[in-house]
């Protein structure tokens, strides 16, 4: 029984850091995709976020 508990705890200790890194990469990818789509729609990624307007020349 003690060996089984040790194996479970060891598995959790090994798997948790791997999953946390994966979630970080997934969140960064989602943020990058959102920024790309905003830029495609004409928004600038500055503070504050504003939509670019077409400049007219006279």
N, C-alpha and C. Protein backbone atom coordinates (compact mmCIF):
# COMPACT_ATOMS: atom_id res chain seq x y z
N UNK A 1 0.83 -1.20 0.00
CA UNK A 1 0.00 0.00 0.00
C UNK A 1 0.87 1.25 0.00
N UNK A 2 1.96 1.23 0.71
CA UNK A 2 2.84 2.39 0.80
C UNK A 2 3.50 2.68 -0.55
N UNK A 3 3.83 1.65 -1.30
CA UNK A 3 4.47 1.83 -2.61
C UNK A 3 3.48 2.46 -3.59
N UNK A 4 2.22 2.06 -3.53
CA UNK A 4 1.20 2.61 -4.42
C UNK A 4 1.00 4.10 -4.15
N UNK A 5 0.94 4.49 -2.90
CA UNK A 5 0.78 5.89 -2.54
C UNK A 5 2.00 6.71 -2.98
N UNK A 6 3.17 6.15 -2.81
CA UNK A 6 4.39 6.83 -3.23
C UNK A 6 4.40 7.04 -4.74
N UNK A 7 3.97 6.06 -5.50
CA UNK A 7 3.92 6.17 -6.96
C UNK A 7 2.90 7.23 -7.40
N UNK A 8 1.78 7.30 -6.73
CA UNK A 8 0.77 8.31 -7.07
C UNK A 8 1.31 9.71 -6.80
N UNK A 9 1.89 9.91 -5.65
CA UNK A 9 2.45 11.22 -5.30
C UNK A 9 3.57 11.60 -6.27
N UNK A 10 4.42 10.66 -6.58
CA UNK A 10 5.52 10.91 -7.52
C UNK A 10 4.99 11.27 -8.91
N UNK A 11 3.94 10.60 -9.35
CA UNK A 11 3.33 10.91 -10.64
C UNK A 11 2.77 12.33 -10.66
N UNK A 12 2.10 12.71 -9.61
CA UNK A 12 1.54 14.06 -9.53
C UNK A 12 2.64 15.12 -9.53
N UNK A 13 3.71 14.86 -8.77
CA UNK A 13 4.82 15.81 -8.69
C UNK A 13 5.50 15.97 -10.06
N UNK A 14 5.57 14.91 -10.84
CA UNK A 14 6.20 14.99 -12.15
C UNK A 14 5.28 15.64 -13.18
N UNK A 15 3.99 15.35 -13.14
CA UNK A 15 3.06 15.81 -14.16
C UNK A 15 2.67 17.30 -13.99
N UNK A 16 2.55 17.78 -12.78
CA UNK A 16 2.08 19.15 -12.55
C UNK A 16 2.96 20.22 -13.22
N UNK A 17 4.28 20.18 -13.12
CA UNK A 17 5.07 21.19 -13.81
C UNK A 17 4.94 21.12 -15.33
N UNK A 18 4.75 19.93 -15.86
CA UNK A 18 4.59 19.80 -17.31
C UNK A 18 3.29 20.43 -17.78
N UNK A 19 2.22 20.24 -17.02
CA UNK A 19 0.93 20.83 -17.39
C UNK A 19 0.94 22.34 -17.25
N UNK A 20 1.61 22.86 -16.24
CA UNK A 20 1.61 24.31 -16.05
C UNK A 20 2.34 24.99 -17.19
N UNK A 21 3.40 24.41 -17.71
CA UNK A 21 4.10 24.98 -18.84
C UNK A 21 3.25 24.95 -20.10
N UNK A 22 2.50 23.89 -20.26
CA UNK A 22 1.63 23.74 -21.42
C UNK A 22 0.53 24.80 -21.40
N UNK A 23 -0.06 25.05 -20.24
CA UNK A 23 -1.10 26.07 -20.14
C UNK A 23 -0.54 27.46 -20.42
N UNK A 24 0.69 27.71 -20.01
CA UNK A 24 1.31 29.01 -20.27
C UNK A 24 1.48 29.23 -21.76
N UNK A 25 1.95 28.22 -22.46
CA UNK A 25 2.14 28.33 -23.91
C UNK A 25 0.79 28.49 -24.61
N UNK A 26 -0.22 27.78 -24.18
CA UNK A 26 -1.54 27.88 -24.79
C UNK A 26 -2.14 29.28 -24.58
N UNK A 27 -1.97 29.84 -23.39
CA UNK A 27 -2.48 31.18 -23.11
C UNK A 27 -1.74 32.24 -23.93
N UNK A 28 -0.44 32.07 -24.08
CA UNK A 28 0.34 33.02 -24.89
C UNK A 28 -0.08 32.94 -26.35
N UNK A 29 -0.32 31.75 -26.84
CA UNK A 29 -0.77 31.59 -28.21
C UNK A 29 -2.14 32.22 -28.45
N UNK A 30 -3.03 32.07 -27.49
CA UNK A 30 -4.36 32.67 -27.62
C UNK A 30 -4.27 34.19 -27.60
N UNK A 31 -3.41 34.73 -26.76
CA UNK A 31 -3.24 36.19 -26.72
C UNK A 31 -2.63 36.72 -28.00
N UNK A 32 -1.68 36.00 -28.56
CA UNK A 32 -1.06 36.43 -29.81
C UNK A 32 -2.07 36.39 -30.95
N UNK A 33 -2.89 35.36 -30.98
CA UNK A 33 -3.91 35.25 -32.03
C UNK A 33 -4.93 36.39 -31.91
N UNK A 34 -5.33 36.70 -30.67
CA UNK A 34 -6.27 37.80 -30.46
C UNK A 34 -5.69 39.13 -30.91
N UNK A 35 -4.42 39.36 -30.62
CA UNK A 35 -3.76 40.59 -31.05
C UNK A 35 -3.66 40.67 -32.56
N UNK A 36 -3.38 39.55 -33.20
CA UNK A 36 -3.29 39.52 -34.66
C UNK A 36 -4.64 39.84 -35.29
N UNK A 37 -5.70 39.27 -34.75
CA UNK A 37 -7.03 39.53 -35.29
C UNK A 37 -7.44 40.99 -35.07
N UNK A 38 -7.09 41.57 -33.93
CA UNK A 38 -7.40 42.98 -33.69
C UNK A 38 -6.66 43.87 -34.69
N UNK A 39 -5.40 43.55 -34.95
CA UNK A 39 -4.62 44.34 -35.91
C UNK A 39 -5.23 44.22 -37.31
N UNK A 40 -5.72 43.04 -37.64
CA UNK A 40 -6.34 42.82 -38.94
C UNK A 40 -7.62 43.64 -39.09
N UNK A 41 -8.32 43.88 -37.99
CA UNK A 41 -9.55 44.67 -38.01
C UNK A 41 -9.28 46.17 -37.95
N UNK A 42 -8.01 46.55 -37.77
CA UNK A 42 -7.68 47.97 -37.79
C UNK A 42 -7.39 48.58 -36.43
N UNK A 43 -7.34 47.79 -35.39
CA UNK A 43 -7.05 48.31 -34.06
C UNK A 43 -5.54 48.34 -33.83
N UNK A 44 -5.08 49.34 -33.09
CA UNK A 44 -3.67 49.41 -32.74
C UNK A 44 -3.49 48.82 -31.35
N UNK A 45 -2.33 48.25 -31.10
CA UNK A 45 -2.06 47.62 -29.80
C UNK A 45 -1.22 48.55 -28.94
N UNK A 46 -1.76 49.70 -28.69
CA UNK A 46 -1.11 50.67 -27.82
C UNK A 46 -2.07 50.99 -26.68
N UNK A 47 -1.61 51.75 -25.74
CA UNK A 47 -2.45 52.13 -24.63
C UNK A 47 -2.94 53.55 -24.87
N UNK A 48 -4.17 53.86 -24.97
CA UNK A 48 -5.33 52.98 -24.99
C UNK A 48 -5.50 52.34 -26.36
N UNK A 49 -6.24 51.24 -26.41
CA UNK A 49 -6.48 50.55 -27.67
C UNK A 49 -7.45 51.40 -28.49
N UNK A 50 -7.04 51.76 -29.67
CA UNK A 50 -7.88 52.58 -30.54
C UNK A 50 -7.93 51.97 -31.93
N UNK A 51 -8.94 52.36 -32.67
CA UNK A 51 -9.06 51.87 -34.04
C UNK A 51 -8.44 52.90 -34.96
N UNK A 52 -7.60 52.41 -35.88
CA UNK A 52 -6.96 53.31 -36.82
C UNK A 52 -7.99 53.84 -37.80
N UNK A 53 -7.90 55.11 -38.10
CA UNK A 53 -8.79 55.69 -39.08
C UNK A 53 -8.01 55.97 -40.34
N UNK A 54 -8.67 55.87 -41.46
CA UNK A 54 -8.00 56.13 -42.72
C UNK A 54 -7.69 57.62 -42.81
N UNK A 55 -6.46 57.94 -43.12
CA UNK A 55 -6.04 59.33 -43.23
C UNK A 55 -6.35 59.84 -44.63
N UNK A 56 -6.93 61.01 -44.68
CA UNK A 56 -7.23 61.60 -45.97
C UNK A 56 -6.20 62.68 -46.26
N UNK A 57 -5.75 62.73 -47.48
CA UNK A 57 -4.78 63.76 -47.88
C UNK A 57 -5.49 64.81 -48.68
N UNK A 58 -5.12 66.04 -48.44
CA UNK A 58 -5.76 67.16 -49.14
C UNK A 58 -4.87 67.70 -50.22
